[in-house]
Amino acid sequence: MQKYKLVFFTPRSDTQAVLRHLFARFPNHVGRIGVYSGCAFVSPGTGQFLPLEGARPTIGAVGKPETVDEDRVEVLVLGAGASAGVDMRSVLQELKKVHPYEEVAYDVYRLEDF
């Protein structure tokens, strides 16, 4: 089974709601490590951005630089492969659906077994 590390950034006030949603939607595939579920690593930081013309920012205003207290969230995703897994695109679609930002910043890393 292919494994991925999904990393995304969210306003600190929304982190737990986003995680709860992903864990509930994909209970056997997101945040699952062995006999533990709901696993994530969350670290605080500061995000910054400048909404351009045509943007509809959740926080801030078009043309004004903004900084936000955010969390960097890391979760394991058990992807499709030899055994039943989840399509990573489905997880990303769900993340974008529940995330408060118009544009979600995320990274996906393919993991190797050793």
C-alpha atoms as a PDB file:
ATOM      1  CA  MET A   1       0.000   0.000   0.000  1.00  0.00           C
ATOM      2  CA  GLN A   2       1.331   3.415  -0.942  1.00  0.00           C
ATOM      3  CA  LYS A   3       1.743   5.836   1.962  1.00  0.00           C
ATOM      4  CA  TYR A   4       1.773   9.624   1.770  1.00  0.00           C
ATOM      5  CA  LYS A   5       2.497  12.473   4.150  1.00  0.00           C
ATOM      6  CA  LEU A   6      -0.028  15.273   3.688  1.00  0.00           C
ATOM      7  CA  VAL A   7       1.096  18.657   5.005  1.00  0.00           C
ATOM      8  CA  PHE A   8      -1.252  21.627   5.003  1.00  0.00           C
ATOM      9  CA  PHE A   9      -1.537  25.017   6.662  1.00  0.00           C
ATOM     10  CA  THR A  10      -4.666  26.321   8.338  1.00  0.00           C
ATOM     11  CA  PRO A  11      -5.648  29.199  10.622  1.00  0.00           C
ATOM     12  CA  ARG A  12      -5.051  28.001  14.180  1.00  0.00           C
ATOM     13  CA  SER A  13      -8.729  28.463  15.072  1.00  0.00           C
ATOM     14  CA  ASP A  14      -9.779  25.989  12.328  1.00  0.00           C
ATOM     15  CA  THR A  15      -7.163  23.258  12.735  1.00  0.00           C
ATOM     16  CA  GLN A  16      -9.128  20.850  14.912  1.00  0.00           C
ATOM     17  CA  ALA A  17     -12.319  21.178  12.859  1.00  0.00           C
ATOM     18  CA  VAL A  18     -10.420  20.359   9.650  1.00  0.00           C
ATOM     19  CA  LEU A  19      -8.692  17.386  11.302  1.00  0.00           C
ATOM     20  CA  ARG A  20     -11.930  16.054  12.811  1.00  0.00           C
ATOM     21  CA  HIS A  21     -13.567  16.208   9.396  1.00  0.00           C
ATOM     22  CA  LEU A  22     -10.744  14.364   7.622  1.00  0.00           C
ATOM     23  CA  PHE A  23     -10.507  11.727  10.378  1.00  0.00           C
ATOM     24  CA  ALA A  24     -14.281  11.159  10.267  1.00  0.00           C
ATOM     25  CA  ARG A  25     -14.424  11.015   6.452  1.00  0.00           C
ATOM     26  CA  PHE A  26     -11.401   8.662   6.121  1.00  0.00           C
ATOM     27  CA  PRO A  27     -11.143   6.877   9.513  1.00  0.00           C
ATOM     28  CA  ASN A  28      -8.985   4.014   8.225  1.00  0.00           C
ATOM     29  CA  HIS A  29      -6.780   6.040   5.894  1.00  0.00           C
ATOM     30  CA  VAL A  30      -6.025   9.524   7.255  1.00  0.00           C
ATOM     31  CA  GLY A  31      -4.135   9.824  10.534  1.00  0.00           C
ATOM     32  CA  ARG A  32      -4.005   6.058  11.064  1.00  0.00           C
ATOM     33  CA  ILE A  33      -0.749   4.568  12.370  1.00  0.00           C
ATOM     34  CA  GLY A  34      -1.029   0.914  13.347  1.00  0.00           C
ATOM     35  CA  VAL A  35      -3.603   0.579  16.128  1.00  0.00           C
ATOM     36  CA  TYR A  36      -3.810   4.364  16.635  1.00  0.00           C
ATOM     37  CA  SER A  37      -6.180   6.739  14.861  1.00  0.00           C
ATOM     38  CA  GLY A  38      -6.494  10.513  14.803  1.00  0.00           C
ATOM     39  CA  CYS A  39      -2.697  10.916  14.582  1.00  0.00           C
ATOM     40  CA  ALA A  40      -1.300  14.267  13.453  1.00  0.00           C
ATOM     41  CA  PHE A  41       1.627  16.539  14.128  1.00  0.00           C
ATOM     42  CA  VAL A  42       0.639  20.187  14.520  1.00  0.00           C
ATOM     43  CA  SER A  43       3.150  23.021  14.840  1.00  0.00           C
ATOM     44  CA  PRO A  44       2.402  26.755  15.076  1.00  0.00           C
ATOM     45  CA  GLY A  45       3.715  29.422  12.721  1.00  0.00           C
ATOM     46  CA  THR A  46       2.839  32.586  10.878  1.00  0.00           C
ATOM     47  CA  GLY A  47       1.441  32.555   7.362  1.00  0.00           C
ATOM     48  CA  GLN A  48       1.539  35.563   5.087  1.00  0.00           C
ATOM     49  CA  PHE A  49      -0.133  36.454   1.818  1.00  0.00           C
ATOM     50  CA  LEU A  50      -1.290  39.313  -0.382  1.00  0.00           C
ATOM     51  CA  PRO A  51      -4.771  38.850  -1.916  1.00  0.00           C
ATOM     52  CA  LEU A  52      -4.738  39.962  -5.551  1.00  0.00           C
ATOM     53  CA  GLU A  53      -7.571  41.400  -7.669  1.00  0.00           C
ATOM     54  CA  GLY A  54     -10.296  38.809  -8.072  1.00  0.00           C
ATOM     55  CA  ALA A  55      -9.532  37.083  -4.750  1.00  0.00           C
ATOM     56  CA  ARG A  56     -12.207  36.608  -2.101  1.00  0.00           C
ATOM     57  CA  PRO A  57     -10.042  36.276   1.011  1.00  0.00           C
ATOM     58  CA  THR A  58     -11.494  34.674   4.133  1.00  0.00           C
ATOM     59  CA  ILE A  59      -9.105  36.815   6.162  1.00  0.00           C
ATOM     60  CA  GLY A  60      -7.779  40.220   5.095  1.00  0.00           C
ATOM     61  CA  ALA A  61      -8.590  42.387   2.082  1.00  0.00           C
ATOM     62  CA  VAL A  62      -7.564  42.562  -1.568  1.00  0.00           C
ATOM     63  CA  GLY A  63      -4.363  44.549  -2.038  1.00  0.00           C
ATOM     64  CA  LYS A  64      -3.347  44.473   1.647  1.00  0.00           C
ATOM     65  CA  PRO A  65      -0.579  42.199   2.976  1.00  0.00           C
ATOM     66  CA  GLU A  66      -1.846  39.909   5.733  1.00  0.00           C
ATOM     67  CA  THR A  67      -0.252  37.699   8.385  1.00  0.00           C
ATOM     68  CA  VAL A  68      -2.168  34.957  10.189  1.00  0.00           C
ATOM     69  CA  ASP A  69      -1.432  32.671  13.136  1.00  0.00           C
ATOM     70  CA  GLU A  70      -1.513  29.293  11.411  1.00  0.00           C
ATOM     71  CA  ASP A  71      -0.731  25.663  12.113  1.00  0.00           C
ATOM     72  CA  ARG A  72       1.355  23.378   9.954  1.00  0.00           C
ATOM     73  CA  VAL A  73      -0.482  20.048  10.053  1.00  0.00           C
ATOM     74  CA  GLU A  74       1.089  16.728   9.061  1.00  0.00           C
ATOM     75  CA  VAL A  75      -0.893  13.501   8.679  1.00  0.00           C
ATOM     76  CA  LEU A  76      -0.195  10.068   7.250  1.00  0.00           C
ATOM     77  CA  VAL A  77      -2.472   8.978   4.384  1.00  0.00           C
ATOM     78  CA  LEU A  78      -2.733   5.296   3.466  1.00  0.00           C
ATOM     79  CA  GLY A  79      -3.213   5.487  -0.278  1.00  0.00           C
ATOM     80  CA  ALA A  80      -4.492   3.077  -2.868  1.00  0.00           C
ATOM     81  CA  GLY A  81      -2.279   0.124  -3.664  1.00  0.00           C
ATOM     82  CA  ALA A  82      -2.173  -3.630  -3.214  1.00  0.00           C
ATOM     83  CA  SER A  83      -4.639  -3.472  -0.297  1.00  0.00           C
ATOM     84  CA  ALA A  84      -7.629  -1.249   0.140  1.00  0.00           C
ATOM     85  CA  GLY A  85      -6.552   2.359   0.440  1.00  0.00           C
ATOM     86  CA  VAL A  86      -7.885   5.767  -0.457  1.00  0.00           C
ATOM     87  CA  ASP A  87      -7.212   7.846  -3.554  1.00  0.00           C
ATOM     88  CA  MET A  88      -5.088  10.839  -2.524  1.00  0.00           C
ATOM     89  CA  ARG A  89      -7.152  13.070  -4.831  1.00  0.00           C
ATOM     90  CA  SER A  90     -10.254  12.246  -2.764  1.00  0.00           C
ATOM     91  CA  VAL A  91      -8.476  13.335   0.412  1.00  0.00           C
ATOM     92  CA  LEU A  92      -7.354  16.591  -1.232  1.00  0.00           C
ATOM     93  CA  GLN A  93     -10.883  17.276  -2.517  1.00  0.00           C
ATOM     94  CA  GLU A  94     -12.226  16.804   1.003  1.00  0.00           C
ATOM     95  CA  LEU A  95      -9.504  19.036   2.475  1.00  0.00           C
ATOM     96  CA  LYS A  96     -10.391  21.807   0.019  1.00  0.00           C
ATOM     97  CA  LYS A  97     -14.102  21.389   0.790  1.00  0.00           C
ATOM     98  CA  VAL A  98     -13.703  21.828   4.560  1.00  0.00           C
ATOM     99  CA  HIS A  99     -10.739  24.253   4.668  1.00  0.00           C
ATOM    100  CA  PRO A 100     -11.675  27.907   5.279  1.00  0.00           C
ATOM    101  CA  TYR A 101      -9.271  29.382   2.702  1.00  0.00           C
ATOM    102  CA  GLU A 102     -10.137  30.030  -0.929  1.00  0.00           C
ATOM    103  CA  GLU A 103      -6.705  28.636  -1.912  1.00  0.00           C
ATOM    104  CA  VAL A 104      -5.373  25.816   0.286  1.00  0.00           C
ATOM    105  CA  ALA A 105      -1.597  25.535   0.686  1.00  0.00           C
ATOM    106  CA  TYR A 106      -0.577  21.876   0.920  1.00  0.00           C
ATOM    107  CA  ASP A 107       2.226  19.444   0.064  1.00  0.00           C
ATOM    108  CA  VAL A 108       2.026  15.712  -0.594  1.00  0.00           C
ATOM    109  CA  TYR A 109       5.066  13.495  -0.059  1.00  0.00           C
ATOM    110  CA  ARG A 110       5.235   9.888  -1.256  1.00  0.00           C
ATOM    111  CA  LEU A 111       6.737   7.767   1.539  1.00  0.00           C
ATOM    112  CA  GLU A 112       8.980   4.713   1.217  1.00  0.00           C
ATOM    113  CA  ASP A 113       8.902   1.609   3.410  1.00  0.00           C
ATOM    114  CA  PHE A 114      12.247   0.535   4.873  1.00  0.00           C
END
